Amino acid sequence: MARNLSDQTETESSIVMAYQGKWLFHVLPAVFALCFLLNACSVQRTGLRSCTYDHRIEGVASFSGCLGRDSNGRLYIQPENIASLKFGPHGLSPVWGEGEGWMYVNRQGYAVITGVAAMDNWADHFHEGLVRMKRGNKWGFANREGKEVIPCRFDGALNFKNGVARVCTGCRAECDTPDCEHRHFSGGDWTCINTKGEEVKNCGR
């Protein structure tokens, strides 16, 4: 028996409306959630600070509004900036943050190591798996996972070489040039430590 064209159209319209209803039922909550997240992100982006890093195309440059903190207080780099960072073989990239100094961030944009020592107007490099860092006025060393393997308890520290690093207590940093681009540690009592932070005797000066 042939179907009436108007009945067919009415039936198909009902099916479409039912499908749309199901679609809206499943999709609308996701849309509202997305709007909420976007709004939260817009709130989170307020108060962002500038940062400086070696851009893939532009070279060393400063960018406004690229450094912030998440709800847990962790420093992070904005997604649009992460894509232009240069990462080393261990997945870390040096970034200078306004009010924070030098740090190393991972591929997710989070700061893994903060308070990294400056060397020649850039972040200090890793030596034998460790990089110098500062907490307040004290020096120590961190590994690539961000663990402070040698606590910041020294007044000065030099990089590791052949398994040992020279550290001092009672020393002070003095400028070698008027702009303080280069500095050296003066005075104090010097000794050597191994990569576990243990003192090494007779390591020489």
Protein backbone atom coordinates (compact mmCIF):
# COMPACT_ATOMS: atom_id res chain seq x y z
CA MET A 1 0.00 0.00 0.00
CA ALA A 2 1.45 3.36 -1.02
CA ARG A 3 2.25 5.82 1.75
CA ASN A 4 0.76 9.28 1.69
CA LEU A 5 3.45 11.86 0.96
CA SER A 6 2.31 14.13 3.79
CA ASP A 7 2.33 11.20 6.25
CA GLN A 8 5.88 10.31 5.15
CA THR A 9 7.06 13.88 5.56
CA GLU A 10 5.46 14.11 9.01
CA THR A 11 7.07 10.83 10.10
CA GLU A 12 10.52 11.88 8.86
CA SER A 13 10.15 15.23 10.61
CA SER A 14 9.33 13.44 13.85
CA ILE A 15 12.41 11.26 13.50
CA VAL A 16 14.60 14.29 12.83
CA MET A 17 13.17 16.16 15.81
CA ALA A 18 13.68 13.13 18.06
CA TYR A 19 17.27 12.79 16.84
CA GLN A 20 17.91 16.48 17.37
CA GLY A 21 16.46 16.19 20.85
CA LYS A 22 18.83 13.36 21.71
CA TRP A 23 21.70 15.28 20.15
CA LEU A 24 20.94 18.36 22.19
CA PHE A 25 20.53 16.25 25.32
CA HIS A 26 24.05 14.86 24.95
CA VAL A 27 25.81 17.86 23.44
CA LEU A 28 24.43 20.81 25.34
CA PRO A 29 26.00 19.81 28.70
CA ALA A 30 29.36 19.55 26.94
CA VAL A 31 28.83 22.95 25.34
CA PHE A 32 27.99 24.53 28.69
CA ALA A 33 31.01 22.83 30.27
CA LEU A 34 33.24 24.15 27.49
CA CYS A 35 31.88 27.66 27.98
CA PHE A 36 32.58 27.35 31.69
CA LEU A 37 36.14 26.23 31.07
CA LEU A 38 36.74 29.00 28.57
CA ASN A 39 35.45 31.52 31.04
CA ALA A 40 37.66 30.04 33.76
CA CYS A 41 40.63 30.25 31.43
CA SER A 42 39.87 33.88 30.65
CA VAL A 43 39.83 34.61 34.36
CA GLN A 44 43.03 32.67 34.90
CA ARG A 45 44.79 34.63 32.15
CA THR A 46 44.47 37.90 34.07
CA GLY A 47 47.63 39.05 35.79
CA LEU A 48 49.93 37.22 33.38
CA ARG A 49 53.55 38.34 33.16
CA SER A 50 56.10 38.58 30.40
CA CYS A 51 58.80 36.04 29.66
CA THR A 52 61.90 35.76 27.48
CA TYR A 53 63.10 32.71 25.60
CA ASP A 54 64.75 31.54 22.40
CA HIS A 55 61.88 31.53 19.88
CA ARG A 56 62.05 28.92 17.11
CA ILE A 57 61.73 31.58 14.41
CA GLU A 58 62.28 35.00 15.97
CA GLY A 59 65.31 34.10 18.09
CA VAL A 60 65.70 35.47 21.60
CA ALA A 61 62.72 37.72 22.29
CA SER A 62 60.35 38.83 25.05
CA PHE A 63 56.62 38.11 25.03
CA SER A 64 53.96 39.74 27.15
CA GLY A 65 51.32 37.74 28.99
CA CYS A 66 52.97 34.35 28.60
CA LEU A 67 53.69 33.41 32.24
CA GLY A 68 51.06 32.63 34.86
CA ARG A 69 50.12 30.36 37.75
CA ASP A 70 47.41 27.71 37.75
CA SER A 71 44.91 27.11 40.55
CA ASN A 72 47.53 25.06 42.40
CA GLY A 73 50.11 27.83 42.24
CA ARG A 74 52.28 26.13 39.62
CA LEU A 75 54.07 28.36 37.13
CA TYR A 76 53.12 27.67 33.53
CA ILE A 77 53.69 29.03 30.04
CA GLN A 78 50.72 29.84 27.81
CA PRO A 79 49.93 27.19 25.12
CA GLU A 80 50.56 29.62 22.27
CA ASN A 81 54.08 30.16 23.61
CA ILE A 82 54.86 26.49 24.25
CA ALA A 83 54.73 25.74 20.52
CA SER A 84 57.54 28.21 19.83
CA LEU A 85 59.94 27.03 22.55
CA LYS A 86 63.15 25.19 21.75
CA PHE A 87 63.41 22.02 23.80
CA GLY A 88 66.61 20.13 24.50
CA PRO A 89 67.07 16.35 24.24
CA HIS A 90 65.69 15.92 27.77
CA GLY A 91 62.48 17.82 27.03
CA LEU A 92 63.34 21.03 28.89
CA SER A 93 63.54 24.63 27.70
CA PRO A 94 65.04 27.64 29.53
CA VAL A 95 62.68 30.57 30.10
CA TRP A 96 63.15 33.84 31.94
CA GLY A 97 59.99 34.95 33.73
CA GLU A 98 59.18 38.44 34.98
CA GLY A 99 59.52 38.43 38.75
CA GLU A 100 60.73 34.81 38.73
CA GLY A 101 64.10 34.78 36.99
CA TRP A 102 65.36 31.76 35.07
CA MET A 103 63.57 28.44 35.02
CA TYR A 104 63.33 25.25 32.98
CA VAL A 105 59.90 24.26 31.66
CA ASN A 106 58.74 20.92 30.27
CA ARG A 107 56.82 20.20 27.06
CA GLN A 108 53.52 20.67 28.90
CA GLY A 109 54.59 24.24 29.70
CA TYR A 110 55.04 23.79 33.45
CA ALA A 111 58.09 25.06 35.29
CA VAL A 112 60.08 22.04 36.48
CA ILE A 113 62.99 23.96 38.02
CA THR A 114 62.79 27.56 39.25
CA GLY A 115 65.52 29.79 40.63
CA VAL A 116 68.02 28.56 38.04
CA ALA A 117 71.37 30.36 38.22
CA ALA A 118 72.15 32.87 35.47
CA MET A 119 75.26 32.38 33.34
CA ASP A 120 76.29 34.83 30.60
CA ASN A 121 72.84 36.44 30.59
CA TRP A 122 71.14 33.08 30.14
CA ALA A 123 70.05 30.12 32.21
CA ASP A 124 72.91 28.03 33.49
CA HIS A 125 73.39 24.65 31.79
CA PHE A 126 73.26 21.19 33.30
CA HIS A 127 76.62 19.72 34.24
CA GLU A 128 76.74 16.00 34.89
CA GLY A 129 72.97 15.96 35.20
CA LEU A 130 72.71 18.82 37.70
CA VAL A 131 72.09 22.55 37.40
CA ARG A 132 72.82 25.28 39.93
CA MET A 133 69.85 26.93 41.58
CA LYS A 134 69.14 29.53 44.27
CA ARG A 135 66.60 29.77 47.06
CA GLY A 136 66.86 33.17 48.64
CA ASN A 137 70.61 33.78 48.91
CA LYS A 138 71.59 30.12 49.17
CA TRP A 139 72.84 27.86 46.40
CA GLY A 140 72.17 24.21 45.64
CA PHE A 141 71.65 21.81 42.73
CA ALA A 142 68.63 20.25 41.01
CA ASN A 143 68.31 17.38 38.54
CA ARG A 144 66.31 17.36 35.31
CA GLU A 145 63.21 16.04 37.09
CA GLY A 146 63.19 19.17 39.23
CA LYS A 147 64.30 17.47 42.43
CA GLU A 148 66.56 19.54 44.65
CA VAL A 149 69.13 16.79 45.09
CA ILE A 150 71.61 19.04 46.91
CA PRO A 151 69.70 21.47 49.14
CA CYS A 152 70.34 25.19 48.86
CA ARG A 153 72.62 25.68 51.84
CA PHE A 154 75.77 27.22 50.35
CA ASP A 155 76.68 30.89 49.90
CA GLY A 156 78.23 30.11 46.53
CA ALA A 157 78.66 27.19 44.15
CA LEU A 158 80.44 26.38 40.92
CA ASN A 159 79.37 23.79 38.37
CA PHE A 160 80.23 20.12 38.54
CA LYS A 161 83.26 18.80 36.70
CA ASN A 162 84.65 15.27 36.91
CA GLY A 163 82.16 14.40 39.63
CA VAL A 164 82.89 17.27 42.02
CA ALA A 165 81.80 20.88 42.48
CA ARG A 166 83.38 23.63 44.53
CA VAL A 167 81.08 25.28 47.07
CA CYS A 168 81.67 27.94 49.68
CA THR A 169 80.30 29.33 52.92
CA GLY A 170 80.84 32.94 53.93
CA CYS A 171 81.69 33.98 50.36
CA ARG A 172 79.95 36.69 48.36
CA ALA A 173 79.27 37.39 44.69
CA GLU A 174 81.08 40.38 43.21
CA CYS A 175 80.65 42.00 39.79
CA ASP A 176 83.44 41.74 37.23
CA THR A 177 81.90 44.38 34.95
CA PRO A 178 79.85 47.57 35.57
CA ASP A 179 76.67 45.89 34.30
CA CYS A 180 77.32 42.79 36.47
CA GLU A 181 76.95 40.52 33.46
CA HIS A 182 79.83 38.48 34.86
CA ARG A 183 80.43 37.82 38.55
CA HIS A 184 82.74 35.80 40.73
CA PHE A 185 82.65 34.54 44.30
CA SER A 186 85.07 36.18 46.68
CA GLY A 187 86.27 35.19 50.15
CA GLY A 188 84.74 32.52 52.35
CA ASP A 189 85.70 28.95 53.05
CA TRP A 190 85.76 26.61 50.06
CA THR A 191 85.35 22.88 49.83
CA CYS A 192 84.21 20.29 47.30
CA ILE A 193 81.18 18.03 47.15
CA ASN A 194 80.16 15.08 45.00
CA THR A 195 76.86 14.72 43.15
CA LYS A 196 75.26 13.41 46.36
CA GLY A 197 76.23 16.53 48.27
CA GLU A 198 78.89 14.73 50.30
CA GLU A 199 82.12 16.57 51.07
CA VAL A 200 85.17 15.46 49.13
CA LYS A 201 88.59 15.90 50.72
CA ASN A 202 91.69 17.15 48.95
CA CYS A 203 89.93 18.18 45.73
CA GLY A 204 92.14 21.25 45.29
CA ARG A 205 91.11 24.81 44.49
